[in-house]
Structure formats: C-alpha cells, structure tokens
Amino acid sequence: MKRLVAVLVLALAACSPTPPGLTRSSTVPPTTMTTTSTPGKPDQAGQVQQVFSDFTKALGDKNGDAAAAVMTSAAIIRWETYRVHALKSTEADLAGLPVAERAIVYGLRATAGPSLRTATGRTVLITAVQQGLVTLNTSTKLVNADGTTTVKETTPVLKNLVLGADTATGELASNDPTVPAIPKPIKFTFLREGEDWKIDPVGVTDLAAFALEELAARKGVTADQLLIEAFTGQYGAARVAEIRKPLDG
C-alpha cells in the first residue's frame, strides 16, 4: 500500500481533474501549545487559532466572503495584483513570478476572463474561493496494490505558533498525528489589523508550489512544463495559447 496526500493546489484545481499526489515519509507530532491568559484580557493565541480555523472552514465551504473577511489587507491587495497581471502581463512579465502565482494568473484568465476588467482584488478572491480554486487539504489518499484508493479525511490545523505583539506565525499540520508530515514546513502569517487578527495565507501558494515541484521532479520535467501540461490537458493547446497572453494585450 502506498501513501499519498491528496492536495488540491491553488489554481491547478481548475485545470486538472486529478489532484497531484505527494509522497510523504515522516509523521506529524500532535499539535500542542501552552498559553497563559490574563484575567480580563483576550487569549491572543486562541484568537489566532480561531482565525485559522475560520479561514480553512471558509475554503472548505467555498464561502468567499467569509474567507476575505479574515484575510489581511495585504493579502487582498495581492489578489488585485493577480487581476492586473491577468489583464496586462506578458509571458516575459510573468517569468519573474513563482510558478504557483503564474498558475493563479492563468486560472483567472481561463475562468474569469473579461469580467476581470471591472472586478477588484476582493471580488476576484471571493469568486476564486467560490469556484474552489483556492483550497487547503491535508487529507491522505491510500493507494492499494490493486489500484483502488481510500481517502482518509483530516482537518488542517496550526502548529508551532509563535506569537508576537502584532504578528504571529504558525505551520500547517493535520489534526491526525498518524498522517505523514509535509517534508517542507508550510508557514502562515497573522497580523493584527485594528483589534482583530487576520491571516495572510501565503502558505496556500507555498503548498501549491511544493506540490508542483514535487510532482514535476517525479515526472522528470520542470514545474513550468508541468503547469502548462496540466492546463493543456484541461483546455487544449489552442486555449492555453490564449490564456498565456494578457487579456488586454
């Protein structure tokens, strides 16, 4: 029996009917944290954990408004940048972006198209979540010798939380300590905006990039080649040639 993790990576969920699998070999330790609360003061660590839980639930429910509500202003601005890239950036412009972010731009061109011209970063993000283009999944797929599969459902949790006055970081893990760990730590950042903690989910694109690179290495191709192969498999070569061009180009 071979163990793989079923990861629905950002944007590639729109262009590949089968999520890429990542081989894992280590084990996630149980998530533990000790915090001390002062009477009359909020438990800041608990608030951060709640924001992470709200964010992952929003993605699972495909609730774009709920996801946007707990994200930092910088994260929303990043989606405005993706929108502008989809409208205006050539392949040469996109070459400087990480492969997972190029996947986002291609995905927006393929699914949103001309509507991006009148959208905002926030509305683009909300629509992407509603369409299931933004996902976070720690479930494990068991592939048996006869080719049948069994999926072990788990819930993403936050471990190794480091809490500061106005910033915090934590690492992605599964709520099931028997599920093999992701070899590369996937970090999430949290910022205080006013009185509220918000999440900057860069870890989602980091997880997507890791999935692409891991699968590409196993197939003996580059992550860029795998990205185009995935889009071509979904849309065909002619359509991929279109989505590699700026919408306003």
Protein backbone atom coordinates (compact mmCIF):
# COMPACT_ATOMS: atom_id res chain seq x y z
CA MET A 1 0.00 0.00 0.00
CA LYS A 2 1.44 3.38 -1.00
CA ARG A 3 0.52 6.53 0.89
CA LEU A 4 -0.02 9.75 -0.97
CA VAL A 5 -1.52 13.03 0.14
CA ALA A 6 -4.40 14.39 -1.92
CA VAL A 7 -3.51 18.06 -2.34
CA LEU A 8 -5.85 20.29 -4.33
CA VAL A 9 -3.39 23.01 -5.21
CA LEU A 10 -4.27 26.62 -5.75
CA ALA A 11 -5.49 27.34 -9.30
CA LEU A 12 -4.45 23.91 -10.59
CA ALA A 13 -7.70 22.64 -9.14
CA ALA A 14 -9.25 24.41 -12.10
CA CYS A 15 -7.04 22.75 -14.69
CA SER A 16 -6.51 19.19 -13.51
CA PRO A 17 -9.30 16.73 -12.68
CA THR A 18 -6.91 14.65 -10.57
CA PRO A 19 -5.10 16.38 -7.68
CA PRO A 20 -1.33 15.80 -7.72
CA GLY A 21 -0.06 13.43 -5.04
CA LEU A 22 2.89 13.99 -2.75
CA THR A 23 4.81 11.10 -1.24
CA ARG A 24 5.36 11.57 2.49
CA SER A 25 7.63 9.71 4.86
CA SER A 26 7.58 11.41 8.26
CA THR A 27 4.93 11.81 10.92
CA VAL A 28 3.29 14.96 12.26
CA PRO A 29 3.65 15.22 16.03
CA PRO A 30 0.48 16.01 17.95
CA THR A 31 -0.21 19.74 17.94
CA THR A 32 0.34 21.16 21.42
CA MET A 33 0.57 24.66 22.80
CA THR A 34 0.65 26.11 26.29
CA THR A 35 -0.63 29.65 26.76
CA THR A 36 -1.34 31.77 29.79
CA SER A 37 -4.33 34.10 29.81
CA THR A 38 -4.56 37.20 31.99
CA PRO A 39 -7.99 37.73 33.57
CA GLY A 40 -9.87 40.38 31.63
CA LYS A 41 -7.58 40.12 28.59
CA PRO A 42 -8.29 38.09 25.45
CA ASP A 43 -6.36 34.92 24.70
CA GLN A 44 -4.37 36.15 21.68
CA ALA A 45 -3.12 32.69 20.73
CA GLY A 46 -6.67 31.39 20.84
CA GLN A 47 -7.80 34.23 18.59
CA VAL A 48 -5.11 33.39 16.03
CA GLN A 49 -6.09 29.73 16.07
CA GLN A 50 -9.74 30.73 15.60
CA VAL A 51 -8.87 32.89 12.57
CA PHE A 52 -7.02 29.95 11.01
CA SER A 53 -9.98 27.67 11.72
CA ASP A 54 -12.42 30.21 10.24
CA PHE A 55 -10.24 30.56 7.14
CA THR A 56 -9.93 26.82 6.49
CA LYS A 57 -13.68 26.35 7.07
CA ALA A 58 -14.44 29.15 4.60
CA LEU A 59 -12.31 27.45 1.95
CA GLY A 60 -13.98 24.11 2.62
CA ASP A 61 -17.42 25.70 2.37
CA LYS A 62 -16.40 27.72 -0.73
CA ASN A 63 -17.52 30.82 1.15
CA GLY A 64 -15.55 33.62 -0.47
CA ASP A 65 -16.98 36.39 1.70
CA ALA A 66 -16.04 34.55 4.90
CA ALA A 67 -12.52 33.89 3.61
CA ALA A 68 -11.99 37.52 2.62
CA ALA A 69 -13.30 38.70 6.00
CA VAL A 70 -10.41 37.09 7.89
CA MET A 71 -7.63 37.94 5.41
CA THR A 72 -5.18 40.82 5.78
CA SER A 73 -5.44 43.89 3.59
CA ALA A 74 -2.06 42.94 2.08
CA ALA A 75 -3.45 39.54 1.04
CA ILE A 76 -6.43 41.22 -0.65
CA ILE A 77 -4.07 43.61 -2.46
CA ARG A 78 -2.10 40.59 -3.71
CA TRP A 79 -5.24 39.39 -5.50
CA GLU A 80 -5.58 42.80 -7.11
CA THR A 81 -2.03 42.30 -8.37
CA TYR A 82 -3.02 38.93 -9.85
CA ARG A 83 -6.00 40.58 -11.53
CA VAL A 84 -3.78 43.23 -13.13
CA HIS A 85 -1.29 40.57 -14.24
CA ALA A 86 -4.12 38.65 -15.90
CA LEU A 87 -5.13 41.77 -17.81
CA LYS A 88 -1.78 43.24 -18.75
CA SER A 89 1.26 40.99 -18.17
CA THR A 90 3.05 39.16 -20.96
CA GLU A 91 4.89 35.86 -20.54
CA ALA A 92 8.09 37.85 -20.09
CA ASP A 93 6.45 39.83 -17.28
CA LEU A 94 5.15 36.67 -15.59
CA ALA A 95 8.53 34.93 -15.79
CA GLY A 96 9.57 36.67 -12.58
CA LEU A 97 6.63 35.24 -10.61
CA PRO A 98 6.79 31.96 -8.67
CA VAL A 99 5.18 29.13 -10.62
CA ALA A 100 2.19 28.88 -8.26
CA GLU A 101 1.39 32.55 -8.79
CA ARG A 102 1.61 32.13 -12.56
CA ALA A 103 -0.92 29.31 -12.14
CA ILE A 104 -3.24 31.78 -10.42
CA VAL A 105 -2.94 34.27 -13.27
CA TYR A 106 -3.60 31.60 -15.91
CA GLY A 107 -6.51 30.28 -13.87
CA LEU A 108 -8.08 33.74 -13.64
CA ARG A 109 -7.77 34.24 -17.39
CA ALA A 110 -9.34 30.85 -18.03
CA THR A 111 -12.25 31.16 -15.60
CA ALA A 112 -12.97 34.86 -15.12
CA GLY A 113 -11.88 36.26 -18.47
CA PRO A 114 -13.14 39.74 -19.46
CA SER A 115 -15.05 40.16 -16.17
CA LEU A 116 -11.67 40.90 -14.58
CA ARG A 117 -11.74 44.35 -16.17
CA THR A 118 -14.50 45.56 -13.83
CA ALA A 119 -13.56 43.44 -10.81
CA THR A 120 -11.47 44.26 -7.73
CA GLY A 121 -8.91 42.18 -5.90
CA ARG A 122 -11.50 41.37 -3.24
CA THR A 123 -14.20 40.28 -5.68
CA VAL A 124 -11.68 38.20 -7.65
CA LEU A 125 -10.63 36.42 -4.45
CA ILE A 126 -14.24 35.81 -3.41
CA THR A 127 -15.08 34.32 -6.81
CA ALA A 128 -11.94 32.15 -6.80
CA VAL A 129 -12.90 30.68 -3.42
CA GLN A 130 -16.50 30.13 -4.56
CA GLN A 131 -15.24 28.24 -7.61
CA GLY A 132 -12.98 26.05 -5.49
CA LEU A 133 -9.77 27.45 -6.98
CA VAL A 134 -8.34 28.13 -3.51
CA THR A 135 -8.12 25.01 -1.39
CA LEU A 136 -6.26 23.70 1.64
CA ASN A 137 -6.36 19.95 2.12
CA THR A 138 -4.36 17.69 4.45
CA SER A 139 -6.33 14.51 3.74
CA THR A 140 -4.39 11.39 2.84
CA LYS A 141 -5.05 9.07 -0.08
CA LEU A 142 -4.14 5.40 0.37
CA VAL A 143 -3.36 3.75 -2.95
CA ASN A 144 -3.66 -0.04 -2.77
CA ALA A 145 -1.75 -2.60 -4.82
CA ASP A 146 -4.85 -3.30 -6.92
CA GLY A 147 -5.17 0.39 -7.83
CA THR A 148 -8.13 1.14 -5.58
CA THR A 149 -7.89 4.14 -3.28
CA THR A 150 -9.14 5.12 0.13
CA VAL A 151 -9.13 8.73 1.31
CA LYS A 152 -8.55 9.45 4.99
CA GLU A 153 -10.20 12.79 5.73
CA THR A 154 -8.37 15.11 8.12
CA THR A 155 -8.62 18.75 9.14
CA PRO A 156 -5.83 21.33 8.68
CA VAL A 157 -4.56 22.72 11.99
CA LEU A 158 -1.89 25.21 13.04
CA LYS A 159 1.16 24.05 14.98
CA ASN A 160 4.34 25.71 16.30
CA LEU A 161 2.57 29.03 16.80
CA VAL A 162 4.95 31.90 17.53
CA LEU A 163 3.04 34.88 18.88
CA GLY A 164 4.28 38.47 18.94
CA ALA A 165 2.60 41.73 19.86
CA ASP A 166 1.14 42.35 16.41
CA THR A 167 2.36 39.42 14.31
CA ALA A 168 2.25 35.65 14.57
CA THR A 169 3.40 32.68 12.52
CA GLY A 170 2.39 29.05 12.51
CA GLU A 171 2.92 25.90 10.46
CA LEU A 172 0.36 23.77 8.64
CA ALA A 173 -0.34 20.33 10.08
CA SER A 174 -3.11 17.74 10.23
CA ASN A 175 -5.32 17.09 13.23
CA ASP A 176 -4.43 13.39 12.88
CA PRO A 177 -0.92 12.68 14.25
CA THR A 178 -0.72 9.47 12.20
CA VAL A 179 -0.82 11.37 8.88
CA PRO A 180 2.68 11.79 7.38
CA ALA A 181 4.00 15.33 7.54
CA ILE A 182 4.76 17.60 4.62
CA PRO A 183 8.58 17.49 4.34
CA LYS A 184 8.80 21.25 3.85
CA PRO A 185 7.25 23.44 6.59
CA ILE A 186 4.31 25.43 5.20
CA LYS A 187 4.01 28.66 7.18
CA PHE A 188 1.11 31.05 7.67
CA THR A 189 1.44 34.66 8.85
CA PHE A 190 -1.05 36.57 11.00
CA LEU A 191 -1.22 40.33 11.57
CA ARG A 192 -3.23 42.49 13.89
CA GLU A 193 -5.34 44.99 11.98
CA GLY A 194 -7.06 47.23 14.49
CA GLU A 195 -8.38 44.96 17.21
CA ASP A 196 -8.61 41.87 15.03
CA TRP A 197 -6.16 39.20 13.95
CA LYS A 198 -6.13 38.49 10.20
CA ILE A 199 -4.43 35.78 8.15
CA ASP A 200 -2.03 36.29 5.26
CA PRO A 201 -2.30 32.82 3.70
CA VAL A 202 0.96 32.73 1.74
CA GLY A 203 1.21 29.13 2.91
CA VAL A 204 -1.50 28.16 0.42
CA THR A 205 0.62 29.22 -2.56
CA ASP A 206 3.70 27.70 -0.89
CA LEU A 207 1.85 24.39 -0.65
CA ALA A 208 0.81 24.67 -4.30
CA ALA A 209 4.40 25.37 -5.35
CA PHE A 210 5.66 22.42 -3.29
CA ALA A 211 3.08 20.13 -4.89
CA LEU A 212 4.04 21.25 -8.39
CA GLU A 213 7.77 20.91 -7.78
CA GLU A 214 7.43 17.51 -6.10
CA LEU A 215 5.27 16.06 -8.85
CA ALA A 216 7.41 17.62 -11.59
CA ALA A 217 10.54 16.05 -10.12
CA ARG A 218 8.88 12.63 -10.09
CA LYS A 219 7.84 13.04 -13.73
CA GLY A 220 11.25 14.32 -14.81
CA VAL A 221 10.00 17.71 -16.02
CA THR A 222 10.19 21.26 -14.73
CA ALA A 223 7.39 22.80 -12.68
CA ASP A 224 6.74 25.21 -15.57
CA GLN A 225 6.37 22.32 -18.01
CA LEU A 226 4.02 20.52 -15.63
CA LEU A 227 1.92 23.66 -15.22
CA ILE A 228 1.41 24.05 -18.97
CA GLU A 229 0.80 20.31 -19.33
CA ALA A 230 -1.96 20.48 -16.72
CA PHE A 231 -3.69 23.43 -18.35
CA THR A 232 -3.34 21.84 -21.79
CA GLY A 233 -4.93 18.64 -20.54
CA GLN A 234 -7.95 20.61 -19.34
CA TYR A 235 -8.37 23.28 -22.01
CA GLY A 236 -6.41 22.11 -25.06
CA ALA A 237 -3.37 23.67 -26.70
CA ALA A 238 -5.27 26.40 -28.56
CA ARG A 239 -6.99 27.69 -25.42
CA VAL A 240 -3.74 27.55 -23.43
CA ALA A 241 -2.06 29.69 -26.06
CA GLU A 242 -4.78 32.28 -25.42
CA ILE A 243 -4.57 32.25 -21.63
CA ARG A 244 -0.81 32.76 -21.81
CA LYS A 245 -1.49 36.16 -23.35
CA PRO A 246 -2.74 39.23 -21.42
CA LEU A 247 -6.46 39.80 -21.77
CA ASP A 248 -5.85 43.43 -22.74
CA GLY A 249 -2.87 42.57 -24.95
